[in-house]
């Protein structure tokens, strides 16, 4: 719609990388700390939701935060650009709600 109406759109890097060649839009702003868009993962409480696969969730979290998982996340690229950058433990502690 932004392209059709000569407007603006706010999007994440992955969407931009996937669609920018098909859109009559240009990238105007990037890298601003106000655009930081962290992803996270949390296992649900198995006491409250006993039908969930808590062991599977914990295995997934362990893989995501392992060196192998972090390497594979960084290796995921579109047009040669990494779309996701795993945060360090130090950076995770710095995030405030």
PDB file of N, CA and C in Angstrom:
ATOM      1  N   UNK A   1       0.832  -1.191   0.000  1.00  0.00           N
ATOM      2  CA  UNK A   1       0.000   0.000   0.000  1.00  0.00           C
ATOM      3  C   UNK A   1       0.875   1.252   0.000  1.00  0.00           C
ATOM      4  N   UNK A   2       1.978   1.203   0.765  1.00  0.00           N
ATOM      5  CA  UNK A   2       2.848   2.377   0.803  1.00  0.00           C
ATOM      6  C   UNK A   2       3.393   2.684  -0.588  1.00  0.00           C
ATOM      7  N   UNK A   3       3.733   1.645  -1.337  1.00  0.00           N
ATOM      8  CA  UNK A   3       4.232   1.846  -2.687  1.00  0.00           C
ATOM      9  C   UNK A   3       3.168   2.381  -3.628  1.00  0.00           C
ATOM     10  N   UNK A   4       1.959   1.893  -3.485  1.00  0.00           N
ATOM     11  CA  UNK A   4       0.863   2.328  -4.352  1.00  0.00           C
ATOM     12  C   UNK A   4       0.461   3.779  -4.097  1.00  0.00           C
ATOM     13  N   UNK A   5       0.520   4.197  -2.822  1.00  0.00           N
ATOM     14  CA  UNK A   5       0.061   5.532  -2.459  1.00  0.00           C
ATOM     15  C   UNK A   5       1.195   6.509  -2.167  1.00  0.00           C
ATOM     16  N   UNK A   6       2.414   6.141  -2.590  1.00  0.00           N
ATOM     17  CA  UNK A   6       3.576   6.996  -2.366  1.00  0.00           C
ATOM     18  C   UNK A   6       3.700   7.372  -0.891  1.00  0.00           C
ATOM     19  N   UNK A   7       3.585   6.354  -0.046  1.00  0.00           N
ATOM     20  CA  UNK A   7       3.625   6.577   1.397  1.00  0.00           C
ATOM     21  C   UNK A   7       4.862   5.974   2.032  1.00  0.00           C
ATOM     22  N   UNK A   8       4.782   5.762   3.318  1.00  0.00           N
ATOM     23  CA  UNK A   8       5.872   5.206   4.108  1.00  0.00           C
ATOM     24  C   UNK A   8       5.405   3.908   4.756  1.00  0.00           C
ATOM     25  N   UNK A   9       6.355   3.034   5.049  1.00  0.00           N
ATOM     26  CA  UNK A   9       6.050   1.787   5.743  1.00  0.00           C
ATOM     27  C   UNK A   9       7.179   1.501   6.724  1.00  0.00           C
ATOM     28  N   UNK A  10       6.827   0.955   7.847  1.00  0.00           N
ATOM     29  CA  UNK A  10       7.799   0.507   8.843  1.00  0.00           C
ATOM     30  C   UNK A  10       7.796  -1.008   8.794  1.00  0.00           C
ATOM     31  N   UNK A  11       8.962  -1.600   8.564  1.00  0.00           N
ATOM     32  CA  UNK A  11       9.021  -3.056   8.446  1.00  0.00           C
ATOM     33  C   UNK A  11      10.313  -3.588   9.042  1.00  0.00           C
ATOM     34  N   UNK A  12      10.357  -4.883   9.238  1.00  0.00           N
ATOM     35  CA  UNK A  12      11.558  -5.527   9.744  1.00  0.00           C
ATOM     36  C   UNK A  12      12.499  -5.841   8.579  1.00  0.00           C
ATOM     37  N   UNK A  13      13.735  -6.145   8.910  1.00  0.00           N
ATOM     38  CA  UNK A  13      14.767  -6.388   7.901  1.00  0.00           C
ATOM     39  C   UNK A  13      14.413  -7.576   7.002  1.00  0.00           C
ATOM     40  N   UNK A  14      13.892  -8.651   7.569  1.00  0.00           N
ATOM     41  CA  UNK A  14      13.564  -9.832   6.784  1.00  0.00           C
ATOM     42  C   UNK A  14      12.514  -9.555   5.726  1.00  0.00           C
ATOM     43  N   UNK A  15      11.477  -8.835   6.089  1.00  0.00           N
ATOM     44  CA  UNK A  15      10.433  -8.487   5.130  1.00  0.00           C
ATOM     45  C   UNK A  15      10.993  -7.586   4.039  1.00  0.00           C
ATOM     46  N   UNK A  16      11.806  -6.620   4.434  1.00  0.00           N
ATOM     47  CA  UNK A  16      12.414  -5.721   3.448  1.00  0.00           C
ATOM     48  C   UNK A  16      13.273  -6.512   2.465  1.00  0.00           C
ATOM     49  N   UNK A  17      14.121  -7.406   2.988  1.00  0.00           N
ATOM     50  CA  UNK A  17      14.998  -8.185   2.122  1.00  0.00           C
ATOM     51  C   UNK A  17      14.194  -9.055   1.155  1.00  0.00           C
ATOM     52  N   UNK A  18      13.092  -9.605   1.635  1.00  0.00           N
ATOM     53  CA  UNK A  18      12.284 -10.488   0.799  1.00  0.00           C
ATOM     54  C   UNK A  18      11.522  -9.730  -0.286  1.00  0.00           C
ATOM     55  N   UNK A  19      11.147  -8.480  -0.025  1.00  0.00           N
ATOM     56  CA  UNK A  19      10.234  -7.778  -0.926  1.00  0.00           C
ATOM     57  C   UNK A  19      10.784  -6.542  -1.626  1.00  0.00           C
ATOM     58  N   UNK A  20      11.935  -6.026  -1.219  1.00  0.00           N
ATOM     59  CA  UNK A  20      12.360  -4.717  -1.722  1.00  0.00           C
ATOM     60  C   UNK A  20      12.530  -4.651  -3.239  1.00  0.00           C
ATOM     61  N   UNK A  21      12.865  -5.741  -3.873  1.00  0.00           N
ATOM     62  CA  UNK A  21      13.031  -5.711  -5.334  1.00  0.00           C
ATOM     63  C   UNK A  21      11.694  -5.631  -6.072  1.00  0.00           C
ATOM     64  N   UNK A  22      10.625  -5.975  -5.370  1.00  0.00           N
ATOM     65  CA  UNK A  22       9.300  -5.969  -5.990  1.00  0.00           C
ATOM     66  C   UNK A  22       8.525  -4.692  -5.694  1.00  0.00           C
ATOM     67  N   UNK A  23       9.082  -3.823  -4.858  1.00  0.00           N
ATOM     68  CA  UNK A  23       8.355  -2.639  -4.405  1.00  0.00           C
ATOM     69  C   UNK A  23       8.989  -1.348  -4.919  1.00  0.00           C
ATOM     70  N   UNK A  24       8.176  -0.339  -5.199  1.00  0.00           N
ATOM     71  CA  UNK A  24       8.711   0.960  -5.616  1.00  0.00           C
ATOM     72  C   UNK A  24       9.041   1.827  -4.395  1.00  0.00           C
ATOM     73  N   UNK A  25       9.788   1.252  -3.458  1.00  0.00           N
ATOM     74  CA  UNK A  25      10.128   1.952  -2.215  1.00  0.00           C
ATOM     75  C   UNK A  25      11.633   1.959  -2.036  1.00  0.00           C
ATOM     76  N   UNK A  26      12.132   2.897  -1.254  1.00  0.00           N
ATOM     77  CA  UNK A  26      13.547   2.926  -0.918  1.00  0.00           C
ATOM     78  C   UNK A  26      13.705   2.941   0.595  1.00  0.00           C
ATOM     79  N   UNK A  27      14.824   2.445   1.050  1.00  0.00           N
ATOM     80  CA  UNK A  27      15.127   2.396   2.476  1.00  0.00           C
ATOM     81  C   UNK A  27      15.585   3.781   2.918  1.00  0.00           C
ATOM     82  N   UNK A  28      14.886   4.364   3.886  1.00  0.00           N
ATOM     83  CA  UNK A  28      15.210   5.714   4.339  1.00  0.00           C
ATOM     84  C   UNK A  28      15.949   5.742   5.667  1.00  0.00           C
ATOM     85  N   UNK A  29      15.590   4.844   6.574  1.00  0.00           N
ATOM     86  CA  UNK A  29      16.186   4.847   7.911  1.00  0.00           C
ATOM     87  C   UNK A  29      16.489   3.413   8.310  1.00  0.00           C
ATOM     88  N   UNK A  30      17.666   3.209   8.869  1.00  0.00           N
ATOM     89  CA  UNK A  30      18.021   1.909   9.423  1.00  0.00           C
ATOM     90  C   UNK A  30      19.059   2.103  10.513  1.00  0.00           C
ATOM     91  N   UNK A  31      19.127   1.143  11.428  1.00  0.00           N
ATOM     92  CA  UNK A  31      20.150   1.170  12.460  1.00  0.00           C
ATOM     93  C   UNK A  31      19.832   2.027  13.674  1.00  0.00           C
ATOM     94  N   UNK A  32      18.737   2.747  13.670  1.00  0.00           N
ATOM     95  CA  UNK A  32      18.379   3.575  14.821  1.00  0.00           C
ATOM     96  C   UNK A  32      18.007   2.669  15.989  1.00  0.00           C
ATOM     97  N   UNK A  33      18.502   2.967  17.166  1.00  0.00           N
ATOM     98  CA  UNK A  33      18.230   2.147  18.350  1.00  0.00           C
ATOM     99  C   UNK A  33      16.727   2.035  18.618  1.00  0.00           C
ATOM    100  N   UNK A  34      15.958   3.027  18.202  1.00  0.00           N
ATOM    101  CA  UNK A  34      14.504   2.981  18.411  1.00  0.00           C
ATOM    102  C   UNK A  34      13.833   1.929  17.532  1.00  0.00           C
ATOM    103  N   UNK A  35      14.559   1.429  16.542  1.00  0.00           N
ATOM    104  CA  UNK A  35      14.019   0.397  15.664  1.00  0.00           C
ATOM    105  C   UNK A  35      14.442  -1.011  16.087  1.00  0.00           C
ATOM    106  N   UNK A  36      15.161  -1.119  17.189  1.00  0.00           N
ATOM    107  CA  UNK A  36      15.618  -2.422  17.686  1.00  0.00           C
ATOM    108  C   UNK A  36      14.409  -3.324  17.907  1.00  0.00           C
ATOM    109  N   UNK A  37      14.456  -4.511  17.358  1.00  0.00           N
ATOM    110  CA  UNK A  37      13.314  -5.423  17.372  1.00  0.00           C
ATOM    111  C   UNK A  37      13.768  -6.806  17.834  1.00  0.00           C
ATOM    112  N   UNK A  38      13.984  -6.982  19.137  1.00  0.00           N
ATOM    113  CA  UNK A  38      14.485  -8.278  19.612  1.00  0.00           C
ATOM    114  C   UNK A  38      13.418  -9.365  19.572  1.00  0.00           C
ATOM    115  N   UNK A  39      13.878 -10.560  19.300  1.00  0.00           N
ATOM    116  CA  UNK A  39      13.026 -11.743  19.378  1.00  0.00           C
ATOM    117  C   UNK A  39      13.404 -12.493  20.641  1.00  0.00           C
ATOM    118  N   UNK A  40      12.483 -13.233  21.198  1.00  0.00           N
ATOM    119  CA  UNK A  40      12.773 -14.018  22.381  1.00  0.00           C
ATOM    120  C   UNK A  40      12.003 -15.316  22.361  1.00  0.00           C
ATOM    121  N   UNK A  41      12.342 -16.176  23.281  1.00  0.00           N
ATOM    122  CA  UNK A  41      11.655 -17.462  23.401  1.00  0.00           C
ATOM    123  C   UNK A  41      11.474 -17.768  24.885  1.00  0.00           C
ATOM    124  N   UNK A  42      10.284 -18.199  25.239  1.00  0.00           N
ATOM    125  CA  UNK A  42       9.964 -18.523  26.634  1.00  0.00           C
ATOM    126  C   UNK A  42       9.127 -19.793  26.637  1.00  0.00           C
ATOM    127  N   UNK A  43       9.512 -20.739  27.451  1.00  0.00           N
ATOM    128  CA  UNK A  43       8.697 -21.954  27.618  1.00  0.00           C
ATOM    129  C   UNK A  43       7.541 -21.631  28.562  1.00  0.00           C
ATOM    130  N   UNK A  44       6.362 -22.148  28.240  1.00  0.00           N
ATOM    131  CA  UNK A  44       5.221 -21.922  29.122  1.00  0.00           C
ATOM    132  C   UNK A  44       5.352 -22.789  30.368  1.00  0.00           C
ATOM    133  N   UNK A  45       4.686 -22.387  31.403  1.00  0.00           N
ATOM    134  CA  UNK A  45       4.725 -23.084  32.685  1.00  0.00           C
ATOM    135  C   UNK A  45       3.990 -24.430  32.554  1.00  0.00           C
ATOM    136  N   UNK A  46       4.700 -25.554  32.720  1.00  0.00           N
ATOM    137  CA  UNK A  46       4.049 -26.856  32.566  1.00  0.00           C
ATOM    138  C   UNK A  46       3.041 -27.151  33.679  1.00  0.00           C
ATOM    139  N   UNK A  47       3.171 -26.499  34.822  1.00  0.00           N
ATOM    140  CA  UNK A  47       2.193 -26.689  35.897  1.00  0.00           C
ATOM    141  C   UNK A  47       0.855 -26.050  35.510  1.00  0.00           C
ATOM    142  N   UNK A  48       0.937 -24.951  34.786  1.00  0.00           N
ATOM    143  CA  UNK A  48      -0.285 -24.258  34.369  1.00  0.00           C
ATOM    144  C   UNK A  48      -0.856 -24.826  33.063  1.00  0.00           C
ATOM    145  N   UNK A  49       0.015 -25.305  32.212  1.00  0.00           N
ATOM    146  CA  UNK A  49      -0.389 -25.862  30.913  1.00  0.00           C
ATOM    147  C   UNK A  49       0.225 -27.255  30.762  1.00  0.00           C
ATOM    148  N   UNK A  50      -0.332 -28.238  31.434  1.00  0.00           N
ATOM    149  CA  UNK A  50       0.274 -29.573  31.471  1.00  0.00           C
ATOM    150  C   UNK A  50       0.279 -30.307  30.132  1.00  0.00           C
ATOM    151  N   UNK A  51      -0.534 -29.896  29.180  1.00  0.00           N
ATOM    152  CA  UNK A  51      -0.588 -30.594  27.903  1.00  0.00           C
ATOM    153  C   UNK A  51       0.473 -30.106  26.905  1.00  0.00           C
ATOM    154  N   UNK A  52       1.298 -29.162  27.304  1.00  0.00           N
ATOM    155  CA  UNK A  52       2.334 -28.676  26.400  1.00  0.00           C
ATOM    156  C   UNK A  52       3.551 -29.589  26.451  1.00  0.00           C
ATOM    157  N   UNK A  53       4.367 -29.496  25.453  1.00  0.00           N
ATOM    158  CA  UNK A  53       5.593 -30.283  25.381  1.00  0.00           C
ATOM    159  C   UNK A  53       6.728 -29.465  26.003  1.00  0.00           C
ATOM    160  N   UNK A  54       6.771 -29.420  27.304  1.00  0.00           N
ATOM    161  CA  UNK A  54       7.761 -28.607  28.006  1.00  0.00           C
ATOM    162  C   UNK A  54       9.181 -29.090  27.732  1.00  0.00           C
ATOM    163  N   UNK A  55       9.379 -30.385  27.707  1.00  0.00           N
ATOM    164  CA  UNK A  55      10.726 -30.919  27.438  1.00  0.00           C
ATOM    165  C   UNK A  55      11.179 -30.502  26.040  1.00  0.00           C
ATOM    166  N   UNK A  56      10.283 -30.556  25.069  1.00  0.00           N
ATOM    167  CA  UNK A  56      10.615 -30.123  23.716  1.00  0.00           C
ATOM    168  C   UNK A  56      10.922 -28.639  23.660  1.00  0.00           C
ATOM    169  N   UNK A  57      10.150 -27.844  24.396  1.00  0.00           N
ATOM    170  CA  UNK A  57      10.389 -26.401  24.444  1.00  0.00           C
ATOM    171  C   UNK A  57      11.764 -26.110  25.035  1.00  0.00           C
ATOM    172  N   UNK A  58      12.108 -26.800  26.091  1.00  0.00           N
ATOM    173  CA  UNK A  58      13.410 -26.576  26.727  1.00  0.00           C
ATOM    174  C   UNK A  58      14.551 -27.035  25.822  1.00  0.00           C
ATOM    175  N   UNK A  59      14.325 -28.121  25.074  1.00  0.00           N
ATOM    176  CA  UNK A  59      15.347 -28.576  24.125  1.00  0.00           C
ATOM    177  C   UNK A  59      15.539 -27.528  23.023  1.00  0.00           C
ATOM    178  N   UNK A  60      14.439 -26.950  22.555  1.00  0.00           N
ATOM    179  CA  UNK A  60      14.505 -25.917  21.527  1.00  0.00           C
ATOM    180  C   UNK A  60      15.249 -24.685  22.047  1.00  0.00           C
ATOM    181  N   UNK A  61      14.927 -24.266  23.259  1.00  0.00           N
ATOM    182  CA  UNK A  61      15.610 -23.116  23.863  1.00  0.00           C
ATOM    183  C   UNK A  61      17.101 -23.403  24.021  1.00  0.00           C
ATOM    184  N   UNK A  62      17.421 -24.605  24.455  1.00  0.00           N
ATOM    185  CA  UNK A  62      18.833 -24.977  24.609  1.00  0.00           C
ATOM    186  C   UNK A  62      19.564 -24.920  23.275  1.00  0.00           C
ATOM    187  N   UNK A  63      18.904 -25.405  22.208  1.00  0.00           N
ATOM    188  CA  UNK A  63      19.531 -25.366  20.893  1.00  0.00           C
ATOM    189  C   UNK A  63      19.699 -23.918  20.418  1.00  0.00           C
ATOM    190  N   UNK A  64      18.647 -23.084  20.569  1.00  0.00           N
ATOM    191  CA  UNK A  64      18.732 -21.694  20.125  1.00  0.00           C
ATOM    192  C   UNK A  64      19.889 -20.950  20.776  1.00  0.00           C
ATOM    193  N   UNK A  65      20.132 -21.234  22.033  1.00  0.00           N
ATOM    194  CA  UNK A  65      21.153 -20.496  22.781  1.00  0.00           C
ATOM    195  C   UNK A  65      22.520 -21.175  22.761  1.00  0.00           C
ATOM    196  N   UNK A  66      22.604 -22.345  22.145  1.00  0.00           N
ATOM    197  CA  UNK A  66      23.887 -23.061  22.055  1.00  0.00           C
ATOM    198  C   UNK A  66      24.765 -22.410  20.986  1.00  0.00           C
ATOM    199  N   UNK A  67      26.060 -22.668  21.046  1.00  0.00           N
ATOM    200  CA  UNK A  67      26.942 -22.141  19.994  1.00  0.00           C
ATOM    201  C   UNK A  67      26.497 -22.586  18.596  1.00  0.00           C
ATOM    202  N   UNK A  68      26.079 -23.838  18.429  1.00  0.00           N
ATOM    203  CA  UNK A  68      25.634 -24.321  17.113  1.00  0.00           C
ATOM    204  C   UNK A  68      24.377 -23.575  16.656  1.00  0.00           C
ATOM    205  N   UNK A  69      23.420 -23.426  17.544  1.00  0.00           N
ATOM    206  CA  UNK A  69      22.192 -22.720  17.202  1.00  0.00           C
ATOM    207  C   UNK A  69      22.457 -21.271  16.845  1.00  0.00           C
ATOM    208  N   UNK A  70      23.286 -20.613  17.637  1.00  0.00           N
ATOM    209  CA  UNK A  70      23.611 -19.210  17.381  1.00  0.00           C
ATOM    210  C   UNK A  70      24.337 -19.052  16.049  1.00  0.00           C
ATOM    211  N   UNK A  71      25.215 -20.010  15.724  1.00  0.00           N
ATOM    212  CA  UNK A  71      25.922 -19.980  14.445  1.00  0.00           C
ATOM    213  C   UNK A  71      24.947 -20.147  13.291  1.00  0.00           C
ATOM    214  N   UNK A  72      24.000 -21.074  13.425  1.00  0.00           N
ATOM    215  CA  UNK A  72      23.037 -21.291  12.349  1.00  0.00           C
ATOM    216  C   UNK A  72      22.084 -20.115  12.187  1.00  0.00           C
ATOM    217  N   UNK A  73      21.731 -19.479  13.283  1.00  0.00           N
ATOM    218  CA  UNK A  73      20.879 -18.284  13.203  1.00  0.00           C
ATOM    219  C   UNK A  73      21.611 -17.182  12.442  1.00  0.00           C
ATOM    220  N   UNK A  74      22.868 -16.965  12.767  1.00  0.00           N
ATOM    221  CA  UNK A  74      23.667 -15.942  12.091  1.00  0.00           C
ATOM    222  C   UNK A  74      23.886 -16.288  10.619  1.00  0.00           C
ATOM    223  N   UNK A  75      23.994 -17.575  10.309  1.00  0.00           N
ATOM    224  CA  UNK A  75      24.259 -18.019   8.940  1.00  0.00           C
ATOM    225  C   UNK A  75      23.047 -17.875   8.031  1.00  0.00           C
ATOM    226  N   UNK A  76      21.840 -17.683   8.592  1.00  0.00           N
ATOM    227  CA  UNK A  76      20.651 -17.530   7.762  1.00  0.00           C
ATOM    228  C   UNK A  76      20.709 -16.171   7.085  1.00  0.00           C
ATOM    229  N   UNK A  77      20.812 -16.187   5.763  1.00  0.00           N
ATOM    230  CA  UNK A  77      20.991 -14.936   5.017  1.00  0.00           C
ATOM    231  C   UNK A  77      20.031 -14.858   3.848  1.00  0.00           C
ATOM    232  N   UNK A  78      19.682 -13.643   3.496  1.00  0.00           N
ATOM    233  CA  UNK A  78      18.937 -13.338   2.284  1.00  0.00           C
ATOM    234  C   UNK A  78      19.773 -12.314   1.531  1.00  0.00           C
ATOM    235  N   UNK A  79      20.065 -12.594   0.284  1.00  0.00           N
ATOM    236  CA  UNK A  79      20.924 -11.724  -0.526  1.00  0.00           C
ATOM    237  C   UNK A  79      22.255 -11.448   0.159  1.00  0.00           C
ATOM    238  N   UNK A  80      22.785 -12.450   0.849  1.00  0.00           N
ATOM    239  CA  UNK A  80      24.079 -12.318   1.506  1.00  0.00           C
ATOM    240  C   UNK A  80      24.068 -11.559   2.814  1.00  0.00           C
ATOM    241  N   UNK A  81      22.910 -11.161   3.285  1.00  0.00           N
ATOM    242  CA  UNK A  81      22.815 -10.389   4.529  1.00  0.00           C
ATOM    243  C   UNK A  81      22.186 -11.228   5.637  1.00  0.00           C
ATOM    244  N   UNK A  82      22.863 -11.314   6.786  1.00  0.00           N
ATOM    245  CA  UNK A  82      22.288 -12.001   7.942  1.00  0.00           C
ATOM    246  C   UNK A  82      21.076 -11.224   8.413  1.00  0.00           C
ATOM    247  N   UNK A  83      19.982 -11.929   8.617  1.00  0.00           N
ATOM    248  CA  UNK A  83      18.761 -11.249   9.053  1.00  0.00           C
ATOM    249  C   UNK A  83      18.623 -11.224  10.565  1.00  0.00           C
ATOM    250  N   UNK A  84      19.284 -12.148  11.231  1.00  0.00           N
ATOM    251  CA  UNK A  84      19.159 -12.237  12.682  1.00  0.00           C
ATOM    252  C   UNK A  84      20.550 -12.297  13.293  1.00  0.00           C
ATOM    253  N   UNK A  85      20.727 -11.577  14.374  1.00  0.00           N
ATOM    254  CA  UNK A  85      22.000 -11.558  15.086  1.00  0.00           C
ATOM    255  C   UNK A  85      21.717 -11.942  16.529  1.00  0.00           C
ATOM    256  N   UNK A  86      22.183 -13.113  16.948  1.00  0.00           N
ATOM    257  CA  UNK A  86      21.932 -13.515  18.335  1.00  0.00           C
ATOM    258  C   UNK A  86      22.562 -12.526  19.306  1.00  0.00           C
ATOM    259  N   UNK A  87      21.813 -12.215  20.345  1.00  0.00           N
ATOM    260  CA  UNK A  87      22.342 -11.306  21.369  1.00  0.00           C
ATOM    261  C   UNK A  87      23.299 -12.062  22.274  1.00  0.00           C
ATOM    262  N   UNK A  88      24.283 -11.365  22.769  1.00  0.00           N
ATOM    263  CA  UNK A  88      25.165 -11.945  23.761  1.00  0.00           C
ATOM    264  C   UNK A  88      24.467 -11.933  25.113  1.00  0.00           C
ATOM    265  N   UNK A  89      24.948 -12.736  26.038  1.00  0.00           N
ATOM    266  CA  UNK A  89      24.370 -12.746  27.384  1.00  0.00           C
ATOM    267  C   UNK A  89      24.457 -11.360  27.997  1.00  0.00           C
ATOM    268  N   UNK A  90      25.535 -10.657  27.721  1.00  0.00           N
ATOM    269  CA  UNK A  90      25.712  -9.311  28.257  1.00  0.00           C
ATOM    270  C   UNK A  90      24.625  -8.374  27.716  1.00  0.00           C
ATOM    271  N   UNK A  91      24.356  -8.453  26.426  1.00  0.00           N
ATOM    272  CA  UNK A  91      23.337  -7.587  25.825  1.00  0.00           C
ATOM    273  C   UNK A  91      21.943  -7.958  26.325  1.00  0.00           C
ATOM    274  N   UNK A  92      21.692  -9.254  26.529  1.00  0.00           N
ATOM    275  CA  UNK A  92      20.380  -9.665  27.016  1.00  0.00           C
ATOM    276  C   UNK A  92      20.081  -9.045  28.371  1.00  0.00           C
ATOM    277  N   UNK A  93      21.090  -8.929  29.210  1.00  0.00           N
ATOM    278  CA  UNK A  93      20.895  -8.340  30.528  1.00  0.00           C
ATOM    279  C   UNK A  93      20.636  -6.858  30.476  1.00  0.00           C
ATOM    280  N   UNK A  94      20.983  -6.232  29.353  1.00  0.00           N
ATOM    281  CA  UNK A  94      20.838  -4.771  29.232  1.00  0.00           C
ATOM    282  C   UNK A  94      19.461  -4.355  28.753  1.00  0.00           C
ATOM    283  N   UNK A  95      18.657  -5.302  28.278  1.00  0.00           N
ATOM    284  CA  UNK A  95      17.338  -4.966  27.747  1.00  0.00           C
ATOM    285  C   UNK A  95      16.387  -4.687  28.901  1.00  0.00           C
ATOM    286  N   UNK A  96      15.679  -3.590  28.794  1.00  0.00           N
ATOM    287  CA  UNK A  96      14.674  -3.266  29.808  1.00  0.00           C
ATOM    288  C   UNK A  96      13.320  -3.169  29.132  1.00  0.00           C
ATOM    289  N   UNK A  97      12.278  -3.554  29.849  1.00  0.00           N
ATOM    290  CA  UNK A  97      10.936  -3.490  29.241  1.00  0.00           C
ATOM    291  C   UNK A  97      10.473  -2.072  29.014  1.00  0.00           C
TER     292      UNK A  97
END
